[in-house]
Amino acid sequence: MTLNDRLQSLINVECAKAHTHAILLRVQSGDGQVSLTGAAGAATPDIRFPIASITKMFTAALTIQLVDEGQIDLARTVQNILTDVNLSGLHVVKGADHGPALTVRHYCTRHLALPMCAKEYTVGPQTYLRTLYGSCGAKGST
């Protein structure tokens, strides 16, 4: 039995447990070669799925590293960084628009309750997803 077969067997066993809907495992080497792709349950090896809130802690950790390196300031407004996105109307509380005043610190400490959406954009031959906060149809959400 190969390593891939043994890992797929493990995935199958774990997915058969109660309250497990799907499992997807992908192992990639440092040179970008995919060494293993395994899936069970509702997952297939090529499935795309939202990763939801798991990215918040990674984004905050990387942002704090940039703060430590002096490349970004927690007190800087996000509007000042994302100059091509109009944050007006993004975070309105009791009629007061706080969108343009939101700082990097606000995002890192998750003191915001903002809806999210993602839109595709293309740079050269690459297509990317850009996460936008607020309504997908909001002014400046490109």
Protein backbone atom coordinates (compact mmCIF):
# COMPACT_ATOMS: atom_id res chain seq x y z
CA MET A 1 0.00 0.00 0.00
CA THR A 2 1.46 3.39 -1.04
CA LEU A 3 1.61 6.47 1.18
CA ASN A 4 -1.15 8.05 -0.91
CA ASP A 5 -3.34 4.95 -0.41
CA ARG A 6 -2.73 5.00 3.35
CA LEU A 7 -3.57 8.70 3.60
CA GLN A 8 -6.72 8.23 1.51
CA SER A 9 -7.76 5.37 3.84
CA LEU A 10 -7.26 7.67 6.83
CA ILE A 11 -9.35 10.37 5.16
CA ASN A 12 -12.13 7.83 4.46
CA VAL A 13 -12.14 6.59 8.08
CA GLU A 14 -12.24 10.11 9.51
CA CYS A 15 -14.97 11.21 7.11
CA ALA A 16 -17.14 8.26 8.13
CA LYS A 17 -17.29 9.57 11.70
CA ALA A 18 -20.40 11.33 12.96
CA HIS A 19 -20.82 15.02 12.13
CA THR A 20 -18.17 14.98 9.40
CA HIS A 21 -19.52 16.22 6.09
CA ALA A 22 -16.37 16.19 3.98
CA ILE A 23 -12.58 16.10 4.16
CA LEU A 24 -10.13 17.49 1.66
CA LEU A 25 -6.38 17.00 1.99
CA ARG A 26 -3.74 18.42 -0.32
CA VAL A 27 -0.02 18.10 0.30
CA GLN A 28 2.25 20.35 -1.74
CA SER A 29 6.03 20.43 -1.74
CA GLY A 30 8.10 23.61 -1.59
CA ASP A 31 8.61 23.59 -5.35
CA GLY A 32 4.84 23.69 -5.92
CA GLN A 33 4.40 20.07 -6.97
CA VAL A 34 1.28 18.44 -5.59
CA SER A 35 2.34 15.29 -3.81
CA LEU A 36 -1.11 14.16 -2.70
CA THR A 37 -4.69 15.14 -3.18
CA GLY A 38 -7.29 13.16 -1.31
CA ALA A 39 -10.95 13.72 -0.60
CA ALA A 40 -13.93 11.98 0.98
CA GLY A 41 -17.58 12.68 1.62
CA ALA A 42 -18.99 15.66 -0.25
CA ALA A 43 -15.51 16.87 -1.23
CA THR A 44 -13.73 16.14 -4.48
CA PRO A 45 -10.04 16.87 -5.12
CA ASP A 46 -10.88 19.84 -7.37
CA ILE A 47 -13.63 21.37 -5.20
CA ARG A 48 -13.55 25.08 -4.40
CA PHE A 49 -15.04 26.18 -1.11
CA PRO A 50 -15.18 29.29 1.06
CA ILE A 51 -12.60 29.25 3.80
CA ALA A 52 -14.60 31.71 5.87
CA SER A 53 -13.14 33.17 9.05
CA ILE A 54 -10.01 31.00 9.23
CA THR A 55 -8.11 33.65 7.27
CA LYS A 56 -8.72 36.37 9.87
CA MET A 57 -6.04 35.13 12.26
CA PHE A 58 -3.49 34.69 9.46
CA THR A 59 -4.24 38.12 8.03
CA ALA A 60 -3.93 39.73 11.47
CA ALA A 61 -0.64 37.90 12.16
CA LEU A 62 0.83 39.00 8.82
CA THR A 63 -0.39 42.55 9.37
CA ILE A 64 1.30 42.67 12.79
CA GLN A 65 4.52 41.43 11.16
CA LEU A 66 4.27 44.38 8.74
CA VAL A 67 3.74 46.68 11.74
CA ASP A 68 6.86 45.23 13.42
CA GLU A 69 8.82 45.88 10.21
CA GLY A 70 7.58 49.48 10.10
CA GLN A 71 5.75 48.97 6.80
CA ILE A 72 2.27 49.72 8.09
CA ASP A 73 0.75 51.63 11.01
CA LEU A 74 -2.17 50.23 13.01
CA ALA A 75 -3.60 53.74 13.34
CA ARG A 76 -3.62 54.30 9.55
CA THR A 77 -7.06 54.34 7.98
CA VAL A 78 -7.86 51.58 5.52
CA GLN A 79 -9.29 54.25 3.19
CA ASN A 80 -5.79 55.75 3.05
CA ILE A 81 -4.36 52.36 2.03
CA LEU A 82 -7.12 51.26 -0.38
CA THR A 83 -7.37 54.53 -2.27
CA ASP A 84 -9.24 52.93 -5.19
CA VAL A 85 -12.09 51.70 -2.95
CA ASN A 86 -14.67 54.11 -1.53
CA LEU A 87 -15.39 52.97 2.03
CA SER A 88 -18.14 55.55 2.56
CA GLY A 89 -21.29 53.87 3.80
CA LEU A 90 -19.43 50.72 4.74
CA HIS A 91 -19.93 50.98 8.48
CA VAL A 92 -22.86 53.18 9.43
CA VAL A 93 -23.93 53.18 13.08
CA LYS A 94 -26.97 55.21 14.18
CA GLY A 95 -26.72 57.33 11.05
CA ALA A 96 -23.00 58.12 11.46
CA ASP A 97 -20.73 56.92 8.63
CA HIS A 98 -17.54 55.47 10.09
CA GLY A 99 -16.36 53.72 6.90
CA PRO A 100 -13.58 56.12 5.89
CA ALA A 101 -12.31 56.32 9.50
CA LEU A 102 -11.81 52.55 9.98
CA THR A 103 -8.20 51.79 10.85
CA VAL A 104 -5.99 48.76 10.36
CA ARG A 105 -6.36 48.16 14.12
CA HIS A 106 -10.15 47.89 13.74
CA TYR A 107 -9.74 45.12 11.18
CA CYS A 108 -7.04 43.26 13.14
CA THR A 109 -9.04 43.22 16.35
CA ARG A 110 -12.24 42.24 14.53
CA HIS A 111 -14.30 44.99 16.11
CA LEU A 112 -16.31 45.22 12.94
CA ALA A 113 -19.35 43.29 11.87
CA LEU A 114 -19.14 43.71 8.14
CA PRO A 115 -20.75 41.57 5.46
CA MET A 116 -18.29 40.21 2.91
CA CYS A 117 -18.34 39.42 -0.75
CA ALA A 118 -15.68 38.65 -3.31
CA LYS A 119 -15.28 39.82 -6.86
CA GLU A 120 -12.94 38.57 -9.55
CA TYR A 121 -10.43 40.87 -11.15
CA THR A 122 -7.79 40.16 -13.75
CA VAL A 123 -4.19 41.34 -13.86
CA GLY A 124 -2.48 40.17 -17.04
CA PRO A 125 -3.11 36.44 -17.45
CA GLN A 126 -4.01 35.90 -13.77
CA THR A 127 -7.52 36.10 -12.30
CA TYR A 128 -7.81 36.85 -8.59
CA LEU A 129 -10.58 37.07 -6.04
CA ARG A 130 -10.65 40.26 -4.02
CA THR A 131 -12.50 40.22 -0.75
CA LEU A 132 -14.63 43.28 -0.31
CA TYR A 133 -16.43 44.36 2.83
CA GLY A 134 -19.91 45.75 2.59
CA SER A 135 -22.39 45.29 -0.21
CA CYS A 136 -21.05 43.84 -3.47
CA GLY A 137 -23.01 46.50 -5.26
CA ALA A 138 -21.71 49.32 -3.07
CA LYS A 139 -20.12 52.36 -4.60
CA GLY A 140 -16.40 51.75 -4.98
CA SER A 141 -16.60 47.95 -4.69
CA THR A 142 -14.53 46.98 -7.69
